[in-house]
Amino acid sequence: MAKNQSAEKPNKPAKKDKNKKPNIFVRMGRKLKETFSELKNVTWPSFGKALKATGVVLVVVLIFTVLVTCVNVGFTELLGLMTKWGT
């Protein structure tokens, strides 16, 4: 009976807590792996489509630049009239 008691192993500690986060390097590695696997599934546009989209973006930016500049000049002139009028 004494042999049975010594032969029994003490209770092992429970496995690692599953709610515990892995360290930062493991998480970064997983995220990089997921990112590259998603990039393999991306449908990339053709050169022509990319060129057209770039052109559209440049035209829209140019239009808004002209619009904002006109509004800025208008407000500057208005402010100049108001300050000259007040003196």
PDB file of N, CA and C in Angstrom:
ATOM      1  N   MET A   1       0.821  -1.176   0.000  1.00  0.00           N
ATOM      2  CA  MET A   1       0.000   0.000   0.000  1.00  0.00           C
ATOM      3  C   MET A   1       0.871   1.247   0.000  1.00  0.00           C
ATOM      4  N   ALA A   2       1.997   1.196   0.633  1.00  0.00           N
ATOM      5  CA  ALA A   2       2.897   2.342   0.640  1.00  0.00           C
ATOM      6  C   ALA A   2       3.442   2.570  -0.748  1.00  0.00           C
ATOM      7  N   LYS A   3       3.654   1.485  -1.530  1.00  0.00           N
ATOM      8  CA  LYS A   3       4.162   1.639  -2.878  1.00  0.00           C
ATOM      9  C   LYS A   3       3.123   2.344  -3.744  1.00  0.00           C
ATOM     10  N   ASN A   4       1.864   2.039  -3.548  1.00  0.00           N
ATOM     11  CA  ASN A   4       0.809   2.674  -4.333  1.00  0.00           C
ATOM     12  C   ASN A   4       0.775   4.180  -4.104  1.00  0.00           C
ATOM     13  N   GLN A   5       0.923   4.596  -2.895  1.00  0.00           N
ATOM     14  CA  GLN A   5       0.870   6.017  -2.581  1.00  0.00           C
ATOM     15  C   GLN A   5       2.060   6.742  -3.185  1.00  0.00           C
ATOM     16  N   SER A   6       3.254   6.142  -3.146  1.00  0.00           N
ATOM     17  CA  SER A   6       4.425   6.819  -3.694  1.00  0.00           C
ATOM     18  C   SER A   6       4.407   6.761  -5.228  1.00  0.00           C
ATOM     19  N   ALA A   7       3.746   5.722  -5.791  1.00  0.00           N
ATOM     20  CA  ALA A   7       3.700   5.601  -7.239  1.00  0.00           C
ATOM     21  C   ALA A   7       2.725   6.609  -7.857  1.00  0.00           C
ATOM     22  N   GLU A   8       1.744   7.029  -7.077  1.00  0.00           N
ATOM     23  CA  GLU A   8       0.799   8.006  -7.611  1.00  0.00           C
ATOM     24  C   GLU A   8       1.496   9.347  -7.789  1.00  0.00           C
ATOM     25  N   LYS A   9       1.245   9.923  -8.929  1.00  0.00           N
ATOM     26  CA  LYS A   9       1.847  11.237  -9.195  1.00  0.00           C
ATOM     27  C   LYS A   9       0.947  12.304  -8.607  1.00  0.00           C
ATOM     28  N   PRO A  10       1.555  13.344  -8.103  1.00  0.00           N
ATOM     29  CA  PRO A  10       0.732  14.438  -7.597  1.00  0.00           C
ATOM     30  C   PRO A  10      -0.025  15.097  -8.760  1.00  0.00           C
ATOM     31  N   ASN A  11      -1.104  15.755  -8.423  1.00  0.00           N
ATOM     32  CA  ASN A  11      -1.902  16.416  -9.468  1.00  0.00           C
ATOM     33  C   ASN A  11      -1.045  17.408 -10.238  1.00  0.00           C
ATOM     34  N   LYS A  12      -1.101  17.320 -11.563  1.00  0.00           N
ATOM     35  CA  LYS A  12      -0.349  18.257 -12.397  1.00  0.00           C
ATOM     36  C   LYS A  12      -1.082  19.592 -12.395  1.00  0.00           C
ATOM     37  N   PRO A  13      -0.327  20.655 -12.499  1.00  0.00           N
ATOM     38  CA  PRO A  13      -1.008  21.948 -12.595  1.00  0.00           C
ATOM     39  C   PRO A  13      -1.792  22.003 -13.900  1.00  0.00           C
ATOM     40  N   ALA A  14      -2.864  22.764 -13.875  1.00  0.00           N
ATOM     41  CA  ALA A  14      -3.712  22.870 -15.070  1.00  0.00           C
ATOM     42  C   ALA A  14      -2.908  23.480 -16.215  1.00  0.00           C
ATOM     43  N   LYS A  15      -3.324  23.169 -17.445  1.00  0.00           N
ATOM     44  CA  LYS A  15      -2.641  23.735 -18.609  1.00  0.00           C
ATOM     45  C   LYS A  15      -2.775  25.250 -18.578  1.00  0.00           C
ATOM     46  N   LYS A  16      -1.999  25.898 -19.445  1.00  0.00           N
ATOM     47  CA  LYS A  16      -2.017  27.360 -19.470  1.00  0.00           C
ATOM     48  C   LYS A  16      -3.438  27.868 -19.680  1.00  0.00           C
ATOM     49  N   ASP A  17      -3.705  28.985 -19.069  1.00  0.00           N
ATOM     50  CA  ASP A  17      -5.023  29.602 -19.180  1.00  0.00           C
ATOM     51  C   ASP A  17      -5.259  30.005 -20.631  1.00  0.00           C
ATOM     52  N   LYS A  18      -6.361  29.558 -21.213  1.00  0.00           N
ATOM     53  CA  LYS A  18      -6.635  29.841 -22.621  1.00  0.00           C
ATOM     54  C   LYS A  18      -7.024  31.292 -22.835  1.00  0.00           C
ATOM     55  N   ASN A  19      -7.433  31.997 -21.803  1.00  0.00           N
ATOM     56  CA  ASN A  19      -7.798  33.403 -21.932  1.00  0.00           C
ATOM     57  C   ASN A  19      -6.583  34.319 -21.918  1.00  0.00           C
ATOM     58  N   LYS A  20      -5.433  33.793 -21.563  1.00  0.00           N
ATOM     59  CA  LYS A  20      -4.235  34.610 -21.490  1.00  0.00           C
ATOM     60  C   LYS A  20      -3.726  34.898 -22.893  1.00  0.00           C
ATOM     61  N   LYS A  21      -3.369  36.163 -23.159  1.00  0.00           N
ATOM     62  CA  LYS A  21      -2.873  36.552 -24.470  1.00  0.00           C
ATOM     63  C   LYS A  21      -1.458  36.034 -24.670  1.00  0.00           C
ATOM     64  N   PRO A  22      -1.140  35.623 -25.897  1.00  0.00           N
ATOM     65  CA  PRO A  22       0.256  35.281 -26.183  1.00  0.00           C
ATOM     66  C   PRO A  22       1.086  36.563 -26.231  1.00  0.00           C
ATOM     67  N   ASN A  23       2.392  36.412 -26.206  1.00  0.00           N
ATOM     68  CA  ASN A  23       3.215  37.616 -26.178  1.00  0.00           C
ATOM     69  C   ASN A  23       3.083  38.403 -27.474  1.00  0.00           C
ATOM     70  N   ILE A  24       3.614  39.608 -27.492  1.00  0.00           N
ATOM     71  CA  ILE A  24       3.420  40.551 -28.591  1.00  0.00           C
ATOM     72  C   ILE A  24       3.997  40.021 -29.899  1.00  0.00           C
ATOM     73  N   PHE A  25       5.103  39.317 -29.858  1.00  0.00           N
ATOM     74  CA  PHE A  25       5.745  38.833 -31.078  1.00  0.00           C
ATOM     75  C   PHE A  25       4.914  37.729 -31.741  1.00  0.00           C
ATOM     76  N   VAL A  26       4.295  36.896 -30.931  1.00  0.00           N
ATOM     77  CA  VAL A  26       3.434  35.840 -31.471  1.00  0.00           C
ATOM     78  C   VAL A  26       2.217  36.475 -32.134  1.00  0.00           C
ATOM     79  N   ARG A  27       1.628  37.475 -31.479  1.00  0.00           N
ATOM     80  CA  ARG A  27       0.464  38.143 -32.050  1.00  0.00           C
ATOM     81  C   ARG A  27       0.823  38.882 -33.335  1.00  0.00           C
ATOM     82  N   MET A  28       1.990  39.538 -33.363  1.00  0.00           N
ATOM     83  CA  MET A  28       2.408  40.247 -34.574  1.00  0.00           C
ATOM     84  C   MET A  28       2.653  39.261 -35.709  1.00  0.00           C
ATOM     85  N   GLY A  29       3.267  38.131 -35.395  1.00  0.00           N
ATOM     86  CA  GLY A  29       3.513  37.117 -36.412  1.00  0.00           C
ATOM     87  C   GLY A  29       2.220  36.583 -36.995  1.00  0.00           C
ATOM     88  N   ARG A  30       1.248  36.337 -36.141  1.00  0.00           N
ATOM     89  CA  ARG A  30      -0.052  35.849 -36.619  1.00  0.00           C
ATOM     90  C   ARG A  30      -0.716  36.884 -37.516  1.00  0.00           C
ATOM     91  N   LYS A  31      -0.655  38.154 -37.100  1.00  0.00           N
ATOM     92  CA  LYS A  31      -1.298  39.211 -37.875  1.00  0.00           C
ATOM     93  C   LYS A  31      -0.627  39.361 -39.235  1.00  0.00           C
ATOM     94  N   LEU A  32       0.696  39.267 -39.286  1.00  0.00           N
ATOM     95  CA  LEU A  32       1.397  39.350 -40.566  1.00  0.00           C
ATOM     96  C   LEU A  32       1.025  38.182 -41.468  1.00  0.00           C
ATOM     97  N   LYS A  33       0.943  37.009 -40.898  1.00  0.00           N
ATOM     98  CA  LYS A  33       0.581  35.820 -41.672  1.00  0.00           C
ATOM     99  C   LYS A  33      -0.832  35.973 -42.238  1.00  0.00           C
ATOM    100  N   GLU A  34      -1.771  36.464 -41.425  1.00  0.00           N
ATOM    101  CA  GLU A  34      -3.136  36.684 -41.888  1.00  0.00           C
ATOM    102  C   GLU A  34      -3.173  37.738 -42.990  1.00  0.00           C
ATOM    103  N   THR A  35      -2.380  38.797 -42.833  1.00  0.00           N
ATOM    104  CA  THR A  35      -2.360  39.868 -43.822  1.00  0.00           C
ATOM    105  C   THR A  35      -1.875  39.354 -45.169  1.00  0.00           C
ATOM    106  N   PHE A  36      -0.777  38.599 -45.173  1.00  0.00           N
ATOM    107  CA  PHE A  36      -0.245  38.090 -46.429  1.00  0.00           C
ATOM    108  C   PHE A  36      -1.195  37.079 -47.067  1.00  0.00           C
ATOM    109  N   SER A  37      -1.882  36.291 -46.257  1.00  0.00           N
ATOM    110  CA  SER A  37      -2.831  35.341 -46.835  1.00  0.00           C
ATOM    111  C   SER A  37      -4.025  36.080 -47.448  1.00  0.00           C
ATOM    112  N   GLU A  38      -4.434  37.202 -46.862  1.00  0.00           N
ATOM    113  CA  GLU A  38      -5.519  37.996 -47.439  1.00  0.00           C
ATOM    114  C   GLU A  38      -5.066  38.684 -48.721  1.00  0.00           C
ATOM    115  N   LEU A  39      -3.821  39.137 -48.762  1.00  0.00           N
ATOM    116  CA  LEU A  39      -3.322  39.805 -49.964  1.00  0.00           C
ATOM    117  C   LEU A  39      -3.276  38.865 -51.164  1.00  0.00           C
ATOM    118  N   LYS A  40      -3.153  37.570 -50.913  1.00  0.00           N
ATOM    119  CA  LYS A  40      -3.167  36.607 -52.016  1.00  0.00           C
ATOM    120  C   LYS A  40      -4.550  36.527 -52.654  1.00  0.00           C
ATOM    121  N   ASN A  41      -5.594  36.867 -51.906  1.00  0.00           N
ATOM    122  CA  ASN A  41      -6.962  36.786 -52.407  1.00  0.00           C
ATOM    123  C   ASN A  41      -7.442  38.077 -53.060  1.00  0.00           C
ATOM    124  N   VAL A  42      -6.632  39.123 -53.040  1.00  0.00           N
ATOM    125  CA  VAL A  42      -7.034  40.418 -53.584  1.00  0.00           C
ATOM    126  C   VAL A  42      -7.037  40.356 -55.103  1.00  0.00           C
ATOM    127  N   THR A  43      -8.055  40.959 -55.710  1.00  0.00           N
ATOM    128  CA  THR A  43      -8.093  41.094 -57.162  1.00  0.00           C
ATOM    129  C   THR A  43      -7.556  42.477 -57.498  1.00  0.00           C
ATOM    130  N   TRP A  44      -6.385  42.525 -58.070  1.00  0.00           N
ATOM    131  CA  TRP A  44      -5.736  43.790 -58.360  1.00  0.00           C
ATOM    132  C   TRP A  44      -6.270  44.360 -59.668  1.00  0.00           C
ATOM    133  N   PRO A  45      -6.430  45.707 -59.750  1.00  0.00           N
ATOM    134  CA  PRO A  45      -6.926  46.300 -60.994  1.00  0.00           C
ATOM    135  C   PRO A  45      -5.847  46.261 -62.076  1.00  0.00           C
ATOM    136  N   SER A  46      -6.318  46.337 -63.312  1.00  0.00           N
ATOM    137  CA  SER A  46      -5.359  46.381 -64.420  1.00  0.00           C
ATOM    138  C   SER A  46      -4.693  47.756 -64.430  1.00  0.00           C
ATOM    139  N   PHE A  47      -3.639  47.870 -65.227  1.00  0.00           N
ATOM    140  CA  PHE A  47      -2.905  49.143 -65.294  1.00  0.00           C
ATOM    141  C   PHE A  47      -3.814  50.253 -65.822  1.00  0.00           C
ATOM    142  N   GLY A  48      -4.638  49.934 -66.820  1.00  0.00           N
ATOM    143  CA  GLY A  48      -5.541  50.938 -67.382  1.00  0.00           C
ATOM    144  C   GLY A  48      -6.546  51.452 -66.372  1.00  0.00           C
ATOM    145  N   LYS A  49      -7.132  50.533 -65.599  1.00  0.00           N
ATOM    146  CA  LYS A  49      -8.102  50.950 -64.577  1.00  0.00           C
ATOM    147  C   LYS A  49      -7.433  51.797 -63.499  1.00  0.00           C
ATOM    148  N   ALA A  50      -6.238  51.401 -63.098  1.00  0.00           N
ATOM    149  CA  ALA A  50      -5.516  52.165 -62.078  1.00  0.00           C
ATOM    150  C   ALA A  50      -5.177  53.558 -62.599  1.00  0.00           C
ATOM    151  N   LEU A  51      -4.797  53.655 -63.869  1.00  0.00           N
ATOM    152  CA  LEU A  51      -4.456  54.941 -64.469  1.00  0.00           C
ATOM    153  C   LEU A  51      -5.689  55.835 -64.550  1.00  0.00           C
ATOM    154  N   LYS A  52      -6.838  55.279 -64.937  1.00  0.00           N
ATOM    155  CA  LYS A  52      -8.075  56.056 -65.003  1.00  0.00           C
ATOM    156  C   LYS A  52      -8.477  56.557 -63.617  1.00  0.00           C
ATOM    157  N   ALA A  53      -8.392  55.681 -62.622  1.00  0.00           N
ATOM    158  CA  ALA A  53      -8.773  56.074 -61.256  1.00  0.00           C
ATOM    159  C   ALA A  53      -7.850  57.173 -60.733  1.00  0.00           C
ATOM    160  N   THR A  54      -6.558  57.083 -61.069  1.00  0.00           N
ATOM    161  CA  THR A  54      -5.610  58.115 -60.652  1.00  0.00           C
ATOM    162  C   THR A  54      -5.949  59.441 -61.322  1.00  0.00           C
ATOM    163  N   GLY A  55      -6.311  59.381 -62.590  1.00  0.00           N
ATOM    164  CA  GLY A  55      -6.702  60.598 -63.297  1.00  0.00           C
ATOM    165  C   GLY A  55      -7.926  61.244 -62.680  1.00  0.00           C
ATOM    166  N   VAL A  56      -8.916  60.439 -62.331  1.00  0.00           N
ATOM    167  CA  VAL A  56     -10.137  60.968 -61.710  1.00  0.00           C
ATOM    168  C   VAL A  56      -9.802  61.637 -60.377  1.00  0.00           C
ATOM    169  N   VAL A  57      -8.963  61.011 -59.594  1.00  0.00           N
ATOM    170  CA  VAL A  57      -8.588  61.581 -58.294  1.00  0.00           C
ATOM    171  C   VAL A  57      -7.865  62.910 -58.490  1.00  0.00           C
ATOM    172  N   LEU A  58      -6.946  62.979 -59.440  1.00  0.00           N
ATOM    173  CA  LEU A  58      -6.207  64.223 -59.679  1.00  0.00           C
ATOM    174  C   LEU A  58      -7.131  65.342 -60.154  1.00  0.00           C
ATOM    175  N   VAL A  59      -8.097  65.026 -61.013  1.00  0.00           N
ATOM    176  CA  VAL A  59      -9.044  66.041 -61.484  1.00  0.00           C
ATOM    177  C   VAL A  59      -9.898  66.560 -60.328  1.00  0.00           C
ATOM    178  N   VAL A  60     -10.390  65.662 -59.487  1.00  0.00           N
ATOM    179  CA  VAL A  60     -11.222  66.075 -58.341  1.00  0.00           C
ATOM    180  C   VAL A  60     -10.406  66.938 -57.380  1.00  0.00           C
ATOM    181  N   VAL A  61      -9.158  66.558 -57.131  1.00  0.00           N
ATOM    182  CA  VAL A  61      -8.305  67.353 -56.235  1.00  0.00           C
ATOM    183  C   VAL A  61      -8.065  68.736 -56.839  1.00  0.00           C
ATOM    184  N   LEU A  62      -7.832  68.806 -58.135  1.00  0.00           N
ATOM    185  CA  LEU A  62      -7.610  70.084 -58.802  1.00  0.00           C
ATOM    186  C   LEU A  62      -8.848  70.970 -58.713  1.00  0.00           C
ATOM    187  N   ILE A  63     -10.032  70.398 -58.931  1.00  0.00           N
ATOM    188  CA  ILE A  63     -11.278  71.172 -58.850  1.00  0.00           C
ATOM    189  C   ILE A  63     -11.464  71.729 -57.441  1.00  0.00           C
ATOM    190  N   PHE A  64     -11.258  70.891 -56.422  1.00  0.00           N
ATOM    191  CA  PHE A  64     -11.429  71.367 -55.045  1.00  0.00           C
ATOM    192  C   PHE A  64     -10.366  72.395 -54.667  1.00  0.00           C
ATOM    193  N   THR A  65      -9.164  72.264 -55.201  1.00  0.00           N
ATOM    194  CA  THR A  65      -8.115  73.246 -54.926  1.00  0.00           C
ATOM    195  C   THR A  65      -8.511  74.598 -55.490  1.00  0.00           C
ATOM    196  N   VAL A  66      -9.017  74.620 -56.710  1.00  0.00           N
ATOM    197  CA  VAL A  66      -9.460  75.874 -57.318  1.00  0.00           C
ATOM    198  C   VAL A  66     -10.626  76.455 -56.526  1.00  0.00           C
ATOM    199  N   LEU A  67     -11.570  75.609 -56.134  1.00  0.00           N
ATOM    200  CA  LEU A  67     -12.726  76.081 -55.376  1.00  0.00           C
ATOM    201  C   LEU A  67     -12.317  76.699 -54.039  1.00  0.00           C
ATOM    202  N   VAL A  68     -11.475  76.007 -53.301  1.00  0.00           N
ATOM    203  CA  VAL A  68     -11.048  76.506 -51.984  1.00  0.00           C
ATOM    204  C   VAL A  68     -10.232  77.787 -52.143  1.00  0.00           C
ATOM    205  N   THR A  69      -9.411  77.868 -53.186  1.00  0.00           N
ATOM    206  CA  THR A  69      -8.618  79.076 -53.421  1.00  0.00           C
ATOM    207  C   THR A  69      -9.527  80.259 -53.728  1.00  0.00           C
ATOM    208  N   CYS A  70     -10.568  80.034 -54.538  1.00  0.00           N
ATOM    209  CA  CYS A  70     -11.505  81.112 -54.851  1.00  0.00           C
ATOM    210  C   CYS A  70     -12.233  81.598 -53.598  1.00  0.00           C
ATOM    211  N   VAL A  71     -12.669  80.673 -52.782  1.00  0.00           N
ATOM    212  CA  VAL A  71     -13.353  81.054 -51.537  1.00  0.00           C
ATOM    213  C   VAL A  71     -12.394  81.818 -50.630  1.00  0.00           C
ATOM    214  N   ASN A  72     -11.146  81.377 -50.555  1.00  0.00           N
ATOM    215  CA  ASN A  72     -10.157  82.048 -49.723  1.00  0.00           C
ATOM    216  C   ASN A  72      -9.905  83.478 -50.204  1.00  0.00           C
ATOM    217  N   VAL A  73      -9.757  83.659 -51.514  1.00  0.00           N
ATOM    218  CA  VAL A  73      -9.534  84.999 -52.060  1.00  0.00           C
ATOM    219  C   VAL A  73     -10.761  85.868 -51.802  1.00  0.00           C
ATOM    220  N   GLY A  74     -11.941  85.302 -51.969  1.00  0.00           N
ATOM    221  CA  GLY A  74     -13.167  86.058 -51.713  1.00  0.00           C
ATOM    222  C   GLY A  74     -13.264  86.519 -50.269  1.00  0.00           C
ATOM    223  N   PHE A  75     -12.982  85.632 -49.338  1.00  0.00           N
ATOM    224  CA  PHE A  75     -13.026  86.022 -47.920  1.00  0.00           C
ATOM    225  C   PHE A  75     -11.948  87.042 -47.592  1.00  0.00           C
ATOM    226  N   THR A  76     -10.783  86.911 -48.220  1.00  0.00           N
ATOM    227  CA  THR A  76      -9.704  87.875 -47.981  1.00  0.00           C
ATOM    228  C   THR A  76     -10.129  89.264 -48.453  1.00  0.00           C
ATOM    229  N   GLU A  77     -10.722  89.326 -49.641  1.00  0.00           N
ATOM    230  CA  GLU A  77     -11.203  90.619 -50.151  1.00  0.00           C
ATOM    231  C   GLU A  77     -12.309  91.175 -49.263  1.00  0.00           C
ATOM    232  N   LEU A  78     -13.222  90.320 -48.830  1.00  0.00           N
ATOM    233  CA  LEU A  78     -14.304  90.760 -47.953  1.00  0.00           C
ATOM    234  C   LEU A  78     -13.760  91.296 -46.637  1.00  0.00           C
ATOM    235  N   LEU A  79     -12.777  90.605 -46.079  1.00  0.00           N
ATOM    236  CA  LEU A  79     -12.176  91.076 -44.831  1.00  0.00           C
ATOM    237  C   LEU A  79     -11.464  92.407 -45.049  1.00  0.00           C
ATOM    238  N   GLY A  80     -10.798  92.556 -46.210  1.00  0.00           N
ATOM    239  CA  GLY A  80     -10.142  93.830 -46.523  1.00  0.00           C
ATOM    240  C   GLY A  80     -11.131  94.957 -46.645  1.00  0.00           C
ATOM    241  N   LEU A  81     -12.283  94.703 -47.272  1.00  0.00           N
ATOM    242  CA  LEU A  81     -13.318  95.739 -47.375  1.00  0.00           C
ATOM    243  C   LEU A  81     -13.871  96.100 -46.001  1.00  0.00           C
ATOM    244  N   MET A  82     -14.050  95.089 -45.161  1.00  0.00           N
ATOM    245  CA  MET A  82     -14.619  95.362 -43.831  1.00  0.00           C
ATOM    246  C   MET A  82     -13.651  96.154 -42.966  1.00  0.00           C
ATOM    247  N   THR A  83     -12.371  95.861 -43.050  1.00  0.00           N
ATOM    248  CA  THR A  83     -11.414  96.592 -42.203  1.00  0.00           C
ATOM    249  C   THR A  83     -11.192  98.013 -42.733  1.00  0.00           C
ATOM    250  N   LYS A  84     -11.231  98.223 -44.054  1.00  0.00           N
ATOM    251  CA  LYS A  84     -11.103  99.574 -44.603  1.00  0.00           C
ATOM    252  C   LYS A  84     -12.354 100.399 -44.301  1.00  0.00           C
ATOM    253  N   TRP A  85     -13.499  99.732 -44.311  1.00  0.00           N
ATOM    254  CA  TRP A  85     -14.756 100.422 -44.068  1.00  0.00           C
ATOM    255  C   TRP A  85     -14.850 100.901 -42.622  1.00  0.00           C
ATOM    256  N   GLY A  86     -14.277 100.094 -41.699  1.00  0.00           N
ATOM    257  CA  GLY A  86     -14.367 100.418 -40.267  1.00  0.00           C
ATOM    258  C   GLY A  86     -13.468 101.585 -39.885  1.00  0.00           C
ATOM    259  N   THR A  87     -12.432 101.911 -40.643  1.00  0.00           N
ATOM    260  CA  THR A  87     -11.517 102.998 -40.265  1.00  0.00           C
ATOM    261  C   THR A  87     -11.825 104.286 -40.936  1.00  0.00           C
TER     262      THR A  87
END
